[in-house]
C-alpha atoms as a PDB file:
ATOM      1  CA  MET A   1      21.255  59.811 -61.069  1.00  0.00           C
ATOM      2  CA  ASN A   2      20.249  60.336 -64.353  1.00  0.00           C
ATOM      3  CA  ASN A   3      19.200  63.469 -66.192  1.00  0.00           C
ATOM      4  CA  THR A   4      15.255  63.028 -65.798  1.00  0.00           C
ATOM      5  CA  VAL A   5      15.730  62.287 -61.861  1.00  0.00           C
ATOM      6  CA  GLU A   6      17.890  65.812 -61.706  1.00  0.00           C
ATOM      7  CA  ASP A   7      15.339  67.489 -63.374  1.00  0.00           C
ATOM      8  CA  TYR A   8      12.800  66.375 -61.074  1.00  0.00           C
ATOM      9  CA  VAL A   9      14.859  67.246 -58.180  1.00  0.00           C
ATOM     10  CA  GLU A  10      15.630  70.333 -59.649  1.00  0.00           C
ATOM     11  CA  HIS A  11      12.052  71.150 -59.717  1.00  0.00           C
ATOM     12  CA  GLY A  12      11.378  70.463 -55.894  1.00  0.00           C
ATOM     13  CA  PHE A  13      10.650  66.556 -56.258  1.00  0.00           C
ATOM     14  CA  HIS A  14      12.832  64.674 -53.397  1.00  0.00           C
ATOM     15  CA  LYS A  15      14.205  61.306 -54.377  1.00  0.00           C
ATOM     16  CA  LEU A  16      12.712  58.531 -51.999  1.00  0.00           C
ATOM     17  CA  ASP A  17      14.906  55.808 -50.785  1.00  0.00           C
ATOM     18  CA  ASP A  18      14.849  52.635 -53.099  1.00  0.00           C
ATOM     19  CA  GLN A  19      14.079  50.672 -50.187  1.00  0.00           C
ATOM     20  CA  TYR A  20      10.951  52.286 -49.328  1.00  0.00           C
ATOM     21  CA  LEU A  21       9.251  52.179 -52.949  1.00  0.00           C
ATOM     22  CA  GLU A  22       6.792  49.593 -53.998  1.00  0.00           C
ATOM     23  CA  HIS A  23       7.829  47.528 -56.916  1.00  0.00           C
ATOM     24  CA  HIS A  24       4.049  46.689 -57.754  1.00  0.00           C
ATOM     25  CA  PRO A  25       1.832  49.508 -56.732  1.00  0.00           C
ATOM     26  CA  PRO A  26      -1.735  49.758 -57.274  1.00  0.00           C
ATOM     27  CA  LYS A  27      -2.928  51.448 -59.932  1.00  0.00           C
ATOM     28  CA  ILE A  28      -4.944  54.593 -60.047  1.00  0.00           C
ATOM     29  CA  ARG A  29      -8.768  54.094 -60.417  1.00  0.00           C
ATOM     30  CA  TRP A  30      -9.855  57.359 -62.287  1.00  0.00           C
ATOM     31  CA  SER A  31     -13.105  58.712 -62.160  1.00  0.00           C
ATOM     32  CA  VAL A  32     -15.809  58.216 -64.999  1.00  0.00           C
ATOM     33  CA  GLY A  33     -14.965  62.032 -66.007  1.00  0.00           C
ATOM     34  CA  TRP A  34     -11.305  61.888 -66.198  1.00  0.00           C
ATOM     35  CA  ARG A  35     -10.933  60.577 -69.798  1.00  0.00           C
ATOM     36  CA  ASP A  36     -13.446  63.769 -70.385  1.00  0.00           C
ATOM     37  CA  ARG A  37     -11.113  66.614 -69.365  1.00  0.00           C
ATOM     38  CA  SER A  38      -8.487  68.331 -71.006  1.00  0.00           C
ATOM     39  CA  LEU A  39      -5.376  67.560 -71.347  1.00  0.00           C
ATOM     40  CA  GLU A  40      -4.067  70.774 -69.594  1.00  0.00           C
ATOM     41  CA  SER A  41      -6.665  70.099 -66.506  1.00  0.00           C
ATOM     42  CA  LYS A  42      -5.125  66.600 -66.500  1.00  0.00           C
ATOM     43  CA  VAL A  43      -1.598  68.063 -66.379  1.00  0.00           C
ATOM     44  CA  GLN A  44      -2.978  70.429 -63.653  1.00  0.00           C
ATOM     45  CA  TYR A  45      -4.050  67.949 -61.945  1.00  0.00           C
ATOM     46  CA  LEU A  46      -1.644  65.462 -61.861  1.00  0.00           C
ATOM     47  CA  GLU A  47       1.161  68.359 -60.623  1.00  0.00           C
ATOM     48  CA  LYS A  48      -0.857  68.978 -58.111  1.00  0.00           C
ATOM     49  CA  LEU A  49      -1.323  65.277 -57.198  1.00  0.00           C
ATOM     50  CA  ALA A  50       2.326  64.802 -57.369  1.00  0.00           C
ATOM     51  CA  ALA A  51       3.299  67.783 -55.303  1.00  0.00           C
ATOM     52  CA  THR A  52       0.838  66.696 -52.529  1.00  0.00           C
ATOM     53  CA  MET A  53       2.511  63.010 -52.845  1.00  0.00           C
ATOM     54  CA  ASN A  54       6.026  64.214 -52.763  1.00  0.00           C
ATOM     55  CA  HIS A  55       5.103  66.781 -49.923  1.00  0.00           C
ATOM     56  CA  ALA A  56       3.976  63.821 -47.920  1.00  0.00           C
ATOM     57  CA  ALA A  57       6.888  61.508 -48.700  1.00  0.00           C
ATOM     58  CA  LYS A  58       8.882  64.277 -47.354  1.00  0.00           C
ATOM     59  CA  LEU A  59       6.839  64.433 -44.082  1.00  0.00           C
ATOM     60  CA  LEU A  60       6.997  61.189 -43.739  1.00  0.00           C
ATOM     61  CA  GLN A  61      10.815  60.710 -44.301  1.00  0.00           C
ATOM     62  CA  SER A  62      11.576  64.071 -41.825  1.00  0.00           C
ATOM     63  CA  GLU A  63       9.358  62.036 -39.415  1.00  0.00           C
ATOM     64  CA  ARG A  64      11.401  58.925 -39.873  1.00  0.00           C
ATOM     65  CA  ASP A  65      14.737  60.231 -39.592  1.00  0.00           C
ATOM     66  CA  GLU A  66      13.077  62.575 -36.039  1.00  0.00           C
ATOM     67  CA  LEU A  67      12.083  59.240 -34.798  1.00  0.00           C
ATOM     68  CA  GLY A  68      15.492  57.650 -35.375  1.00  0.00           C
ATOM     69  CA  ASP A  69      17.251  60.476 -33.733  1.00  0.00           C
ATOM     70  CA  LEU A  70      14.637  60.109 -30.959  1.00  0.00           C
ATOM     71  CA  CYS A  71      15.663  56.099 -30.721  1.00  0.00           C
ATOM     72  CA  ALA A  72      19.429  56.964 -30.768  1.00  0.00           C
ATOM     73  CA  LYS A  73      18.714  59.309 -27.665  1.00  0.00           C
ATOM     74  CA  LYS A  74      16.357  56.873 -25.935  1.00  0.00           C
ATOM     75  CA  GLU A  75      19.340  54.099 -26.191  1.00  0.00           C
ATOM     76  CA  GLU A  76      21.490  56.461 -24.788  1.00  0.00           C
ATOM     77  CA  GLN A  77      19.295  57.601 -22.122  1.00  0.00           C
ATOM     78  CA  LEU A  78      18.958  53.333 -21.643  1.00  0.00           C
ATOM     79  CA  VAL A  79      22.750  52.897 -21.237  1.00  0.00           C
ATOM     80  CA  VAL A  80      23.102  55.522 -18.724  1.00  0.00           C
ATOM     81  CA  MET A  81      20.283  54.414 -16.556  1.00  0.00           C
ATOM     82  CA  ALA A  82      21.194  50.687 -16.772  1.00  0.00           C
ATOM     83  CA  LYS A  83      24.853  51.670 -15.899  1.00  0.00           C
ATOM     84  CA  GLN A  84      23.411  54.098 -12.925  1.00  0.00           C
ATOM     85  CA  MET A  85      21.105  51.070 -12.212  1.00  0.00           C
ATOM     86  CA  SER A  86      24.019  48.969 -11.715  1.00  0.00           C
ATOM     87  CA  ASP A  87      25.923  51.301  -9.582  1.00  0.00           C
ATOM     88  CA  ASN A  88      23.017  51.896  -7.367  1.00  0.00           C
ATOM     89  CA  ASN A  89      22.543  47.830  -6.849  1.00  0.00           C
ATOM     90  CA  ALA A  90      26.369  47.211  -6.006  1.00  0.00           C
ATOM     91  CA  MET A  91      26.195  50.412  -3.390  1.00  0.00           C
ATOM     92  CA  LEU A  92      22.904  48.726  -1.902  1.00  0.00           C
ATOM     93  CA  GLN A  93      24.414  45.350  -1.926  1.00  0.00           C
ATOM     94  CA  GLN A  94      27.469  47.080  -0.221  1.00  0.00           C
ATOM     95  CA  GLU A  95      24.731  48.624   2.386  1.00  0.00           C
ATOM     96  CA  VAL A  96      23.292  45.455   2.959  1.00  0.00           C
ATOM     97  CA  CYS A  97      26.040  43.711   3.416  1.00  0.00           C
ATOM     98  CA  SER A  98      27.701  46.202   5.863  1.00  0.00           C
ATOM     99  CA  MET A  99      24.349  46.291   7.679  1.00  0.00           C
ATOM    100  CA  ASN A 100      24.765  42.071   7.999  1.00  0.00           C
ATOM    101  CA  GLU A 101      28.176  42.252   9.490  1.00  0.00           C
ATOM    102  CA  ARG A 102      27.501  44.999  12.215  1.00  0.00           C
ATOM    103  CA  ARG A 103      24.241  42.596  12.718  1.00  0.00           C
ATOM    104  CA  GLN A 104      26.618  39.772  13.499  1.00  0.00           C
ATOM    105  CA  ALA A 105      28.889  42.184  15.335  1.00  0.00           C
ATOM    106  CA  TYR A 106      25.825  42.847  17.452  1.00  0.00           C
ATOM    107  CA  HIS A 107      24.827  39.138  17.817  1.00  0.00           C
ATOM    108  CA  GLU A 108      28.268  38.009  19.094  1.00  0.00           C
ATOM    109  CA  ASN A 109      28.311  41.030  21.632  1.00  0.00           C
ATOM    110  CA  ILE A 110      24.954  39.907  22.867  1.00  0.00           C
ATOM    111  CA  LYS A 111      26.043  36.016  23.129  1.00  0.00           C
ATOM    112  CA  ALA A 112      28.954  37.648  25.106  1.00  0.00           C
ATOM    113  CA  LEU A 113      27.147  39.623  27.448  1.00  0.00           C
ATOM    114  CA  ASN A 114      24.415  36.573  27.465  1.00  0.00           C
ATOM    115  CA  VAL A 115      27.730  34.536  28.691  1.00  0.00           C
ATOM    116  CA  GLU A 116      28.523  37.059  31.095  1.00  0.00           C
ATOM    117  CA  ILE A 117      25.050  37.138  32.717  1.00  0.00           C
ATOM    118  CA  ARG A 118      25.178  33.705  33.026  1.00  0.00           C
ATOM    119  CA  LYS A 119      28.430  33.899  35.113  1.00  0.00           C
ATOM    120  CA  LEU A 120      27.045  36.431  37.194  1.00  0.00           C
ATOM    121  CA  ARG A 121      23.782  34.653  37.935  1.00  0.00           C
ATOM    122  CA  ASN A 122      25.866  31.687  39.282  1.00  0.00           C
ATOM    123  CA  GLY A 123      27.784  33.372  41.114  1.00  0.00           C
ATOM    124  CA  ASP A 124      30.870  33.058  38.873  1.00  0.00           C
ATOM    125  CA  HIS A 125      33.211  35.422  39.015  1.00  0.00           C
ATOM    126  CA  SER A 126      36.254  34.461  37.364  1.00  0.00           C
END
């Protein structure tokens, strides 16, 4: 960091990440009365403007950081929920298989009972 940047930071300015800076920002269109203002008035105005822009940039960076943290938490939640969903699906699949096995056993039992009923109706008591 060069001395100028250190001086700005020392006076409350925050350095923006280079990746977020516009390389060819639009020029400010000054009002007609701007040139007629005194240098002191211009400096005061520009200091206030710089402070406002610095504050806005800081707010944006803070919100970006908060959103990054929120996204990380949401991603962790999604991973946990995906695991829970997978576990739930495995349990449901196991339960369906168990029910199918019981149903199949019931059908086999009904078949055996129907055979027994037919034998009894036909008088075959063997």
